[in-house]
Amino acid sequence: MDDFTTLSADILKILGQPTRLKIIDFLRDGERCVCEIFPAIGEEQSNTSRHLNLMVSAGVLLRRKEGVKIFYAVKYPEILEIVELANQIITNEITGRHSLLKVA
């Protein structure tokens, strides 16, 4: 595998985790403080912070500190597009399976 393929796989692995998808969905409308993120997604602060740090390291999120508060935002709008495409595939798959069940 070349480096580009490996890096692509790394981004998809980072996105392929439910807590991280919840975080990305919560950040869809823009930058938010970590103090808002963990209660909104229903996770512990320590667990949320771990996921946030992984996503910053992978280049998926941006982090900004203002006083004692730390803010996070999606770094590239394409990340939201990837998640939306996955949701469309799931919707199509569910619809297709539902149609097959009606025929049977």
N, C-alpha and C. Protein backbone atom coordinates (compact mmCIF):
# COMPACT_ATOMS: atom_id res chain seq x y z
N MET A 1 0.84 -1.19 0.00
CA MET A 1 0.00 0.00 0.00
C MET A 1 0.89 1.25 0.00
N ASP A 2 0.48 2.22 -0.77
CA ASP A 2 1.25 3.46 -0.78
C ASP A 2 0.83 4.35 0.39
N ASP A 3 1.60 5.42 0.61
CA ASP A 3 1.34 6.32 1.74
C ASP A 3 -0.03 6.97 1.66
N PHE A 4 -0.46 7.35 0.46
CA PHE A 4 -1.75 8.01 0.29
C PHE A 4 -2.88 7.09 0.71
N THR A 5 -2.81 5.84 0.30
CA THR A 5 -3.84 4.85 0.66
C THR A 5 -3.86 4.64 2.17
N THR A 6 -2.69 4.57 2.77
CA THR A 6 -2.60 4.39 4.22
C THR A 6 -3.22 5.57 4.95
N LEU A 7 -2.93 6.78 4.49
CA LEU A 7 -3.49 7.98 5.13
C LEU A 7 -5.00 8.05 4.94
N SER A 8 -5.49 7.63 3.77
CA SER A 8 -6.94 7.58 3.54
C SER A 8 -7.60 6.60 4.50
N ALA A 9 -6.98 5.45 4.67
CA ALA A 9 -7.51 4.45 5.59
C ALA A 9 -7.51 4.97 7.02
N ASP A 10 -6.49 5.73 7.39
CA ASP A 10 -6.42 6.30 8.74
C ASP A 10 -7.58 7.27 8.99
N ILE A 11 -7.89 8.11 8.01
CA ILE A 11 -9.01 9.05 8.15
C ILE A 11 -10.32 8.28 8.30
N LEU A 12 -10.52 7.26 7.47
CA LEU A 12 -11.75 6.49 7.55
C LEU A 12 -11.85 5.73 8.88
N LYS A 13 -10.72 5.26 9.40
CA LYS A 13 -10.73 4.59 10.72
C LYS A 13 -11.13 5.58 11.81
N ILE A 14 -10.60 6.79 11.73
CA ILE A 14 -10.94 7.81 12.73
C ILE A 14 -12.44 8.09 12.70
N LEU A 15 -13.01 8.14 11.50
CA LEU A 15 -14.45 8.42 11.36
C LEU A 15 -15.31 7.21 11.69
N GLY A 16 -14.72 6.03 11.67
CA GLY A 16 -15.49 4.80 11.83
C GLY A 16 -15.71 4.40 13.28
N GLN A 17 -16.09 5.34 14.12
CA GLN A 17 -16.32 5.05 15.52
C GLN A 17 -17.54 5.87 15.97
N PRO A 18 -18.53 5.26 16.62
CA PRO A 18 -19.78 5.95 16.93
C PRO A 18 -19.63 7.25 17.73
N THR A 19 -18.79 7.26 18.75
CA THR A 19 -18.62 8.48 19.55
C THR A 19 -18.07 9.61 18.69
N ARG A 20 -17.12 9.29 17.83
CA ARG A 20 -16.53 10.31 16.97
C ARG A 20 -17.53 10.83 15.96
N LEU A 21 -18.40 9.95 15.46
CA LEU A 21 -19.45 10.40 14.54
C LEU A 21 -20.44 11.32 15.25
N LYS A 22 -20.74 11.03 16.51
CA LYS A 22 -21.61 11.91 17.29
C LYS A 22 -20.98 13.29 17.45
N ILE A 23 -19.68 13.30 17.71
CA ILE A 23 -18.96 14.57 17.86
C ILE A 23 -19.01 15.36 16.56
N ILE A 24 -18.72 14.71 15.45
CA ILE A 24 -18.74 15.39 14.16
C ILE A 24 -20.13 15.93 13.86
N ASP A 25 -21.15 15.15 14.14
CA ASP A 25 -22.51 15.60 13.90
C ASP A 25 -22.82 16.83 14.76
N PHE A 26 -22.37 16.82 16.01
CA PHE A 26 -22.61 17.96 16.90
C PHE A 26 -21.88 19.21 16.42
N LEU A 27 -20.72 19.02 15.79
CA LEU A 27 -19.93 20.15 15.30
C LEU A 27 -20.36 20.61 13.90
N ARG A 28 -21.38 19.98 13.36
CA ARG A 28 -21.85 20.28 12.00
C ARG A 28 -22.16 21.76 11.81
N ASP A 29 -22.70 22.40 12.82
CA ASP A 29 -23.10 23.80 12.70
C ASP A 29 -22.01 24.78 13.13
N GLY A 30 -20.83 24.27 13.43
CA GLY A 30 -19.73 25.17 13.76
C GLY A 30 -19.02 24.82 15.06
N GLU A 31 -18.10 25.67 15.39
CA GLU A 31 -17.22 25.49 16.55
C GLU A 31 -18.02 25.42 17.85
N ARG A 32 -17.59 24.51 18.74
CA ARG A 32 -18.23 24.36 20.05
C ARG A 32 -17.17 24.11 21.12
N CYS A 33 -17.50 24.52 22.32
CA CYS A 33 -16.63 24.29 23.48
C CYS A 33 -16.75 22.83 23.92
N VAL A 34 -15.65 22.29 24.41
CA VAL A 34 -15.69 20.91 24.91
C VAL A 34 -16.72 20.78 26.03
N CYS A 35 -16.94 21.87 26.76
CA CYS A 35 -17.92 21.85 27.85
C CYS A 35 -19.35 21.65 27.32
N GLU A 36 -19.56 21.92 26.04
CA GLU A 36 -20.87 21.69 25.40
C GLU A 36 -20.92 20.32 24.74
N ILE A 37 -19.77 19.85 24.28
CA ILE A 37 -19.74 18.63 23.46
C ILE A 37 -20.08 17.39 24.27
N PHE A 38 -19.37 17.16 25.38
CA PHE A 38 -19.58 15.88 26.08
C PHE A 38 -20.99 15.71 26.63
N PRO A 39 -21.65 16.76 27.17
CA PRO A 39 -23.04 16.52 27.60
C PRO A 39 -23.98 16.28 26.42
N ALA A 40 -23.72 16.97 25.30
CA ALA A 40 -24.60 16.85 24.13
C ALA A 40 -24.57 15.47 23.51
N ILE A 41 -23.41 14.81 23.57
CA ILE A 41 -23.30 13.47 22.96
C ILE A 41 -23.50 12.35 23.97
N GLY A 42 -23.67 12.72 25.26
CA GLY A 42 -23.95 11.72 26.28
C GLY A 42 -22.77 10.85 26.66
N GLU A 43 -21.58 11.42 26.63
CA GLU A 43 -20.36 10.68 26.98
C GLU A 43 -19.65 11.37 28.14
N GLU A 44 -18.79 10.62 28.83
CA GLU A 44 -17.97 11.20 29.89
C GLU A 44 -16.97 12.19 29.30
N GLN A 45 -16.59 13.19 30.08
CA GLN A 45 -15.66 14.20 29.59
C GLN A 45 -14.31 13.59 29.21
N SER A 46 -13.80 12.66 30.03
CA SER A 46 -12.49 12.07 29.74
C SER A 46 -12.51 11.27 28.44
N ASN A 47 -13.58 10.52 28.23
CA ASN A 47 -13.71 9.74 27.00
C ASN A 47 -13.85 10.67 25.79
N THR A 48 -14.65 11.71 25.94
CA THR A 48 -14.84 12.67 24.85
C THR A 48 -13.53 13.36 24.51
N SER A 49 -12.78 13.77 25.53
CA SER A 49 -11.50 14.44 25.30
C SER A 49 -10.52 13.54 24.57
N ARG A 50 -10.52 12.26 24.91
CA ARG A 50 -9.65 11.31 24.22
C ARG A 50 -9.98 11.25 22.73
N HIS A 51 -11.26 11.16 22.41
CA HIS A 51 -11.68 11.11 21.01
C HIS A 51 -11.37 12.43 20.29
N LEU A 52 -11.60 13.54 20.96
CA LEU A 52 -11.29 14.84 20.36
C LEU A 52 -9.80 14.94 20.03
N ASN A 53 -8.96 14.52 20.96
CA ASN A 53 -7.51 14.56 20.73
C ASN A 53 -7.09 13.69 19.55
N LEU A 54 -7.68 12.51 19.45
CA LEU A 54 -7.38 11.63 18.30
C LEU A 54 -7.77 12.29 16.98
N MET A 55 -8.92 12.94 16.97
CA MET A 55 -9.38 13.57 15.73
C MET A 55 -8.56 14.81 15.38
N VAL A 56 -8.07 15.53 16.39
CA VAL A 56 -7.17 16.66 16.12
C VAL A 56 -5.87 16.13 15.54
N SER A 57 -5.32 15.08 16.15
CA SER A 57 -4.06 14.49 15.67
C SER A 57 -4.17 13.97 14.25
N ALA A 58 -5.34 13.47 13.89
CA ALA A 58 -5.56 12.92 12.55
C ALA A 58 -5.85 14.00 11.52
N GLY A 59 -6.04 15.24 11.96
CA GLY A 59 -6.32 16.32 11.03
C GLY A 59 -7.78 16.47 10.68
N VAL A 60 -8.67 15.87 11.48
CA VAL A 60 -10.10 15.93 11.22
C VAL A 60 -10.72 17.16 11.90
N LEU A 61 -10.20 17.53 13.08
CA LEU A 61 -10.72 18.67 13.83
C LEU A 61 -9.65 19.72 14.06
N LEU A 62 -10.11 20.94 14.29
CA LEU A 62 -9.26 22.04 14.74
C LEU A 62 -9.54 22.28 16.21
N ARG A 63 -8.51 22.72 16.96
CA ARG A 63 -8.67 23.03 18.38
C ARG A 63 -8.19 24.46 18.60
N ARG A 64 -8.95 25.21 19.42
CA ARG A 64 -8.58 26.59 19.74
C ARG A 64 -8.86 26.82 21.21
N LYS A 65 -7.91 27.47 21.88
CA LYS A 65 -8.09 27.75 23.31
C LYS A 65 -8.39 29.24 23.48
N GLU A 66 -9.40 29.52 24.30
CA GLU A 66 -9.76 30.89 24.62
C GLU A 66 -9.93 30.97 26.14
N GLY A 67 -8.94 31.53 26.80
CA GLY A 67 -8.95 31.53 28.27
C GLY A 67 -8.83 30.10 28.76
N VAL A 68 -9.79 29.67 29.57
CA VAL A 68 -9.77 28.30 30.07
C VAL A 68 -10.59 27.35 29.20
N LYS A 69 -11.31 27.91 28.26
CA LYS A 69 -12.16 27.07 27.40
C LYS A 69 -11.41 26.60 26.16
N ILE A 70 -11.73 25.36 25.75
CA ILE A 70 -11.15 24.79 24.54
C ILE A 70 -12.29 24.54 23.56
N PHE A 71 -12.11 25.06 22.35
CA PHE A 71 -13.12 24.95 21.30
C PHE A 71 -12.64 24.02 20.20
N TYR A 72 -13.59 23.30 19.61
CA TYR A 72 -13.29 22.38 18.52
C TYR A 72 -14.20 22.69 17.33
N ALA A 73 -13.66 22.43 16.14
CA ALA A 73 -14.42 22.60 14.91
C ALA A 73 -13.94 21.58 13.89
N VAL A 74 -14.81 21.24 12.96
CA VAL A 74 -14.44 20.35 11.86
C VAL A 74 -13.45 21.11 10.97
N LYS A 75 -12.32 20.50 10.69
CA LYS A 75 -11.26 21.17 9.94
C LYS A 75 -11.59 21.33 8.46
N TYR A 76 -12.16 20.30 7.87
CA TYR A 76 -12.48 20.33 6.44
C TYR A 76 -13.97 20.01 6.25
N PRO A 77 -14.69 20.83 5.48
CA PRO A 77 -16.11 20.54 5.24
C PRO A 77 -16.31 19.19 4.54
N GLU A 78 -15.29 18.71 3.86
CA GLU A 78 -15.39 17.40 3.18
C GLU A 78 -15.64 16.27 4.17
N ILE A 79 -15.21 16.45 5.42
CA ILE A 79 -15.46 15.44 6.46
C ILE A 79 -16.97 15.27 6.62
N LEU A 80 -17.69 16.38 6.65
CA LEU A 80 -19.15 16.33 6.77
C LEU A 80 -19.77 15.66 5.55
N GLU A 81 -19.19 15.88 4.39
CA GLU A 81 -19.68 15.25 3.16
C GLU A 81 -19.49 13.73 3.21
N ILE A 82 -18.35 13.28 3.73
CA ILE A 82 -18.09 11.84 3.87
C ILE A 82 -19.16 11.21 4.76
N VAL A 83 -19.43 11.85 5.89
CA VAL A 83 -20.43 11.32 6.82
C VAL A 83 -21.81 11.33 6.17
N GLU A 84 -22.14 12.38 5.45
CA GLU A 84 -23.43 12.46 4.77
C GLU A 84 -23.55 11.37 3.71
N LEU A 85 -22.48 11.12 2.96
CA LEU A 85 -22.51 10.05 1.95
C LEU A 85 -22.72 8.68 2.60
N ALA A 86 -22.08 8.45 3.74
CA ALA A 86 -22.28 7.19 4.46
C ALA A 86 -23.74 7.06 4.89
N ASN A 87 -24.33 8.16 5.37
CA ASN A 87 -25.74 8.14 5.77
C ASN A 87 -26.65 7.85 4.58
N GLN A 88 -26.32 8.41 3.42
CA GLN A 88 -27.12 8.14 2.21
C GLN A 88 -27.03 6.68 1.81
N ILE A 89 -25.83 6.10 1.89
CA ILE A 89 -25.66 4.68 1.56
C ILE A 89 -26.49 3.82 2.50
N ILE A 90 -26.47 4.14 3.79
CA ILE A 90 -27.24 3.38 4.77
C ILE A 90 -28.73 3.49 4.47
N THR A 91 -29.20 4.70 4.18
CA THR A 91 -30.61 4.90 3.85
C THR A 91 -31.00 4.10 2.62
N ASN A 92 -30.17 4.14 1.59
CA ASN A 92 -30.45 3.36 0.37
C ASN A 92 -30.48 1.87 0.66
N GLU A 93 -29.55 1.42 1.47
CA GLU A 93 -29.48 -0.02 1.79
C GLU A 93 -30.72 -0.45 2.57
N ILE A 94 -31.12 0.35 3.54
CA ILE A 94 -32.31 0.02 4.33
C ILE A 94 -33.56 0.02 3.45
N THR A 95 -33.66 1.03 2.59
CA THR A 95 -34.80 1.11 1.67
C THR A 95 -34.83 -0.09 0.74
N GLY A 96 -33.68 -0.46 0.22
CA GLY A 96 -33.60 -1.62 -0.68
C GLY A 96 -33.98 -2.90 0.01
N ARG A 97 -33.52 -3.09 1.22
CA ARG A 97 -33.87 -4.31 1.97
C ARG A 97 -35.35 -4.33 2.31
N HIS A 98 -35.89 -3.17 2.66
CA HIS A 98 -37.31 -3.09 2.97
C HIS A 98 -38.16 -3.45 1.75
N SER A 99 -37.72 -2.99 0.58
CA SER A 99 -38.43 -3.31 -0.66
C SER A 99 -38.40 -4.80 -0.95
N LEU A 100 -37.24 -5.43 -0.69
CA LEU A 100 -37.11 -6.87 -0.92
C LEU A 100 -38.02 -7.65 0.01
N LEU A 101 -38.14 -7.19 1.24
CA LEU A 101 -39.01 -7.89 2.21
C LEU A 101 -40.48 -7.80 1.81
N LYS A 102 -40.89 -6.67 1.21
CA LYS A 102 -42.27 -6.51 0.77
C LYS A 102 -42.61 -7.46 -0.37
N VAL A 103 -41.60 -7.72 -1.25
CA VAL A 103 -41.82 -8.59 -2.39
C VAL A 103 -41.94 -10.06 -1.95
N ALA A 104 -41.18 -10.43 -0.94
CA ALA A 104 -41.13 -11.83 -0.51
C ALA A 104 -42.36 -12.30 0.17
